[in-house]
Amino acid sequence: MIFDSIHHIAIIASDYNKAKDFYVNKLGLKINREVERKEREDFIIFLDGGENIEIELFIEKNPPKRLTRPEARGLRHLAFRVDDIYKSVEELKKRGIETEEIRIDPLNGKHMTFFFDPDGLPLELHE
């Protein structure tokens, strides 16, 4: 393999307050640092994605919308590993985040479900 691991994952969001509330307050991701780039009129919030993976949350004015979901070309979805999907889904519901029905991944027999960020990016919970 020519690389050791994933360094970061970049997500583009359209609304600073909604994105920060969702990823930090509702999902509980920790902010490593935050940068305002005045010359580009955007912000980057660097989030701790666990296991030395950083999530770069770019907040830009008027980014183009996703064409379809989730099968648009490019990143299909971001999946978070959880130990107990039922407990995780209950916690998301308490935080005002609805999920799809929990189902079994036919490839590995594990429980999984999807939910969406404020811009409609598909996010997955996977045991």
C-alpha atoms as a PDB file:
ATOM      1  CA  MET A   1       0.000   0.000   0.000  1.00  0.00           C
ATOM      2  CA  ILE A   2       1.321   3.473  -0.816  1.00  0.00           C
ATOM      3  CA  PHE A   3      -0.253   5.191   2.207  1.00  0.00           C
ATOM      4  CA  ASP A   4      -0.573   4.386   5.907  1.00  0.00           C
ATOM      5  CA  SER A   5      -4.102   5.531   6.743  1.00  0.00           C
ATOM      6  CA  ILE A   6      -6.786   8.120   5.999  1.00  0.00           C
ATOM      7  CA  HIS A   7      -5.585  11.578   7.031  1.00  0.00           C
ATOM      8  CA  HIS A   8      -8.851  13.523   6.826  1.00  0.00           C
ATOM      9  CA  ILE A   9     -12.310  13.667   5.318  1.00  0.00           C
ATOM     10  CA  ALA A  10     -13.614  16.978   3.919  1.00  0.00           C
ATOM     11  CA  ILE A  11     -17.275  17.973   3.995  1.00  0.00           C
ATOM     12  CA  ILE A  12     -18.702  21.156   2.472  1.00  0.00           C
ATOM     13  CA  ALA A  13     -21.611  22.773   4.310  1.00  0.00           C
ATOM     14  CA  SER A  14     -23.667  25.849   3.469  1.00  0.00           C
ATOM     15  CA  ASP A  15     -24.650  27.258   6.866  1.00  0.00           C
ATOM     16  CA  TYR A  16     -22.092  27.846   9.635  1.00  0.00           C
ATOM     17  CA  ASN A  17     -24.515  27.763  12.581  1.00  0.00           C
ATOM     18  CA  LYS A  18     -26.509  24.738  11.383  1.00  0.00           C
ATOM     19  CA  ALA A  19     -23.389  22.745  10.473  1.00  0.00           C
ATOM     20  CA  LYS A  20     -21.593  23.526  13.732  1.00  0.00           C
ATOM     21  CA  ASP A  21     -24.706  22.743  15.791  1.00  0.00           C
ATOM     22  CA  PHE A  22     -25.202  19.435  13.969  1.00  0.00           C
ATOM     23  CA  TYR A  23     -21.633  18.101  13.972  1.00  0.00           C
ATOM     24  CA  VAL A  24     -20.516  19.505  17.346  1.00  0.00           C
ATOM     25  CA  ASN A  25     -23.614  19.774  19.540  1.00  0.00           C
ATOM     26  CA  LYS A  26     -25.774  16.970  18.142  1.00  0.00           C
ATOM     27  CA  LEU A  27     -23.175  14.424  16.998  1.00  0.00           C
ATOM     28  CA  GLY A  28     -20.723  15.377  19.750  1.00  0.00           C
ATOM     29  CA  LEU A  29     -17.605  15.685  17.594  1.00  0.00           C
ATOM     30  CA  LYS A  30     -14.820  17.656  19.270  1.00  0.00           C
ATOM     31  CA  ILE A  31     -13.399  20.787  17.609  1.00  0.00           C
ATOM     32  CA  ASN A  32      -9.625  20.573  17.172  1.00  0.00           C
ATOM     33  CA  ARG A  33      -9.391  24.091  15.740  1.00  0.00           C
ATOM     34  CA  GLU A  34     -11.344  26.573  13.674  1.00  0.00           C
ATOM     35  CA  VAL A  35     -10.091  28.882  10.923  1.00  0.00           C
ATOM     36  CA  GLU A  36     -11.788  31.796   9.198  1.00  0.00           C
ATOM     37  CA  ARG A  37     -10.349  32.418   5.734  1.00  0.00           C
ATOM     38  CA  LYS A  38     -11.453  35.973   5.002  1.00  0.00           C
ATOM     39  CA  GLU A  39      -9.853  36.005   1.555  1.00  0.00           C
ATOM     40  CA  ARG A  40     -12.057  33.052   0.540  1.00  0.00           C
ATOM     41  CA  GLU A  41     -15.028  34.117   2.656  1.00  0.00           C
ATOM     42  CA  ASP A  42     -15.293  30.720   4.310  1.00  0.00           C
ATOM     43  CA  PHE A  43     -14.605  28.848   7.522  1.00  0.00           C
ATOM     44  CA  ILE A  44     -13.004  25.491   8.247  1.00  0.00           C
ATOM     45  CA  ILE A  45     -13.828  23.646  11.440  1.00  0.00           C
ATOM     46  CA  PHE A  46     -11.381  20.804  12.087  1.00  0.00           C
ATOM     47  CA  LEU A  47     -13.161  18.017  13.975  1.00  0.00           C
ATOM     48  CA  ASP A  48     -11.768  14.973  15.745  1.00  0.00           C
ATOM     49  CA  GLY A  49     -12.981  11.981  13.724  1.00  0.00           C
ATOM     50  CA  GLY A  50     -11.331   9.455  16.060  1.00  0.00           C
ATOM     51  CA  GLU A  51      -8.380   7.142  15.481  1.00  0.00           C
ATOM     52  CA  ASN A  52      -6.189   9.966  14.108  1.00  0.00           C
ATOM     53  CA  ILE A  53      -8.724  10.936  11.429  1.00  0.00           C
ATOM     54  CA  GLU A  54      -9.750  14.545  11.115  1.00  0.00           C
ATOM     55  CA  ILE A  55     -12.993  15.778   9.565  1.00  0.00           C
ATOM     56  CA  GLU A  56     -12.567  19.118   7.816  1.00  0.00           C
ATOM     57  CA  LEU A  57     -15.905  20.901   7.805  1.00  0.00           C
ATOM     58  CA  PHE A  58     -15.771  23.652   5.159  1.00  0.00           C
ATOM     59  CA  ILE A  59     -18.551  26.236   5.386  1.00  0.00           C
ATOM     60  CA  GLU A  60     -18.899  28.097   2.100  1.00  0.00           C
ATOM     61  CA  LYS A  61     -21.407  30.584   0.737  1.00  0.00           C
ATOM     62  CA  ASN A  62     -23.688  29.053  -1.883  1.00  0.00           C
ATOM     63  CA  PRO A  63     -21.905  25.774  -2.661  1.00  0.00           C
ATOM     64  CA  PRO A  64     -23.564  23.767  -5.458  1.00  0.00           C
ATOM     65  CA  LYS A  65     -26.181  21.294  -4.237  1.00  0.00           C
ATOM     66  CA  ARG A  66     -25.793  17.531  -4.440  1.00  0.00           C
ATOM     67  CA  LEU A  67     -27.468  16.291  -7.594  1.00  0.00           C
ATOM     68  CA  THR A  68     -28.890  13.087  -6.134  1.00  0.00           C
ATOM     69  CA  ARG A  69     -28.621  11.285  -2.898  1.00  0.00           C
ATOM     70  CA  PRO A  70     -26.718   9.216  -2.111  1.00  0.00           C
ATOM     71  CA  GLU A  71     -25.610   7.996  -5.527  1.00  0.00           C
ATOM     72  CA  ALA A  72     -24.039  11.236  -6.830  1.00  0.00           C
ATOM     73  CA  ARG A  73     -20.547  10.924  -8.252  1.00  0.00           C
ATOM     74  CA  GLY A  74     -17.917  11.426  -5.556  1.00  0.00           C
ATOM     75  CA  LEU A  75     -18.279  10.745  -1.846  1.00  0.00           C
ATOM     76  CA  ARG A  76     -21.297   8.510  -1.388  1.00  0.00           C
ATOM     77  CA  HIS A  77     -21.543   8.787   2.399  1.00  0.00           C
ATOM     78  CA  LEU A  78     -19.552   8.952   5.620  1.00  0.00           C
ATOM     79  CA  ALA A  79     -19.998   6.017   8.014  1.00  0.00           C
ATOM     80  CA  PHE A  80     -19.433   6.112  11.772  1.00  0.00           C
ATOM     81  CA  ARG A  81     -18.609   2.864  13.595  1.00  0.00           C
ATOM     82  CA  VAL A  82     -20.707   2.250  16.726  1.00  0.00           C
ATOM     83  CA  ASP A  83     -20.813  -0.581  19.271  1.00  0.00           C
ATOM     84  CA  ASP A  84     -24.592  -0.546  19.817  1.00  0.00           C
ATOM     85  CA  ILE A  85     -26.637   0.836  16.929  1.00  0.00           C
ATOM     86  CA  TYR A  86     -29.899   0.827  18.891  1.00  0.00           C
ATOM     87  CA  LYS A  87     -28.368   2.912  21.673  1.00  0.00           C
ATOM     88  CA  SER A  88     -26.785   5.277  19.129  1.00  0.00           C
ATOM     89  CA  VAL A  89     -30.071   5.724  17.228  1.00  0.00           C
ATOM     90  CA  GLU A  90     -31.888   6.475  20.509  1.00  0.00           C
ATOM     91  CA  GLU A  91     -29.255   9.103  21.340  1.00  0.00           C
ATOM     92  CA  LEU A  92     -29.612  10.707  17.912  1.00  0.00           C
ATOM     93  CA  LYS A  93     -33.402  10.826  18.325  1.00  0.00           C
ATOM     94  CA  LYS A  94     -32.986  12.553  21.709  1.00  0.00           C
ATOM     95  CA  ARG A  95     -30.900  15.165  19.880  1.00  0.00           C
ATOM     96  CA  GLY A  96     -33.583  15.725  17.225  1.00  0.00           C
ATOM     97  CA  ILE A  97     -31.952  13.667  14.465  1.00  0.00           C
ATOM     98  CA  GLU A  98     -34.180  11.177  12.650  1.00  0.00           C
ATOM     99  CA  THR A  99     -32.705   8.024  11.133  1.00  0.00           C
ATOM    100  CA  GLU A 100     -33.897   5.557   8.562  1.00  0.00           C
ATOM    101  CA  GLU A 101     -35.031   2.126   9.719  1.00  0.00           C
ATOM    102  CA  ILE A 102     -32.221  -0.051  11.094  1.00  0.00           C
ATOM    103  CA  ARG A 103     -31.420  -2.841   8.679  1.00  0.00           C
ATOM    104  CA  ILE A 104     -28.843  -5.577   8.134  1.00  0.00           C
ATOM    105  CA  ASP A 105     -25.918  -4.937   5.786  1.00  0.00           C
ATOM    106  CA  PRO A 106     -26.134  -7.873   3.337  1.00  0.00           C
ATOM    107  CA  LEU A 107     -22.369  -7.840   2.817  1.00  0.00           C
ATOM    108  CA  ASN A 108     -21.329  -8.394   6.435  1.00  0.00           C
ATOM    109  CA  GLY A 109     -24.494  -9.125   8.431  1.00  0.00           C
ATOM    110  CA  LYS A 110     -24.054  -6.076  10.709  1.00  0.00           C
ATOM    111  CA  HIS A 111     -26.725  -3.552  11.698  1.00  0.00           C
ATOM    112  CA  MET A 112     -26.707  -0.220   9.878  1.00  0.00           C
ATOM    113  CA  THR A 113     -28.825   2.881   9.271  1.00  0.00           C
ATOM    114  CA  PHE A 114     -28.585   6.265   7.568  1.00  0.00           C
ATOM    115  CA  PHE A 115     -29.327   9.824   8.636  1.00  0.00           C
ATOM    116  CA  PHE A 116     -28.594  13.180   6.998  1.00  0.00           C
ATOM    117  CA  ASP A 117     -26.748  16.370   7.882  1.00  0.00           C
ATOM    118  CA  PRO A 118     -28.409  19.800   7.402  1.00  0.00           C
ATOM    119  CA  ASP A 119     -27.262  19.904   3.754  1.00  0.00           C
ATOM    120  CA  GLY A 120     -28.551  16.399   2.992  1.00  0.00           C
ATOM    121  CA  LEU A 121     -25.178  14.591   3.107  1.00  0.00           C
ATOM    122  CA  PRO A 122     -25.892  10.921   3.869  1.00  0.00           C
ATOM    123  CA  LEU A 123     -24.268   9.728   7.107  1.00  0.00           C
ATOM    124  CA  GLU A 124     -24.304   6.119   8.271  1.00  0.00           C
ATOM    125  CA  LEU A 125     -24.114   4.334  11.591  1.00  0.00           C
ATOM    126  CA  HIS A 126     -22.596   0.867  11.270  1.00  0.00           C
ATOM    127  CA  GLU A 127     -21.896  -1.760  13.926  1.00  0.00           C
END
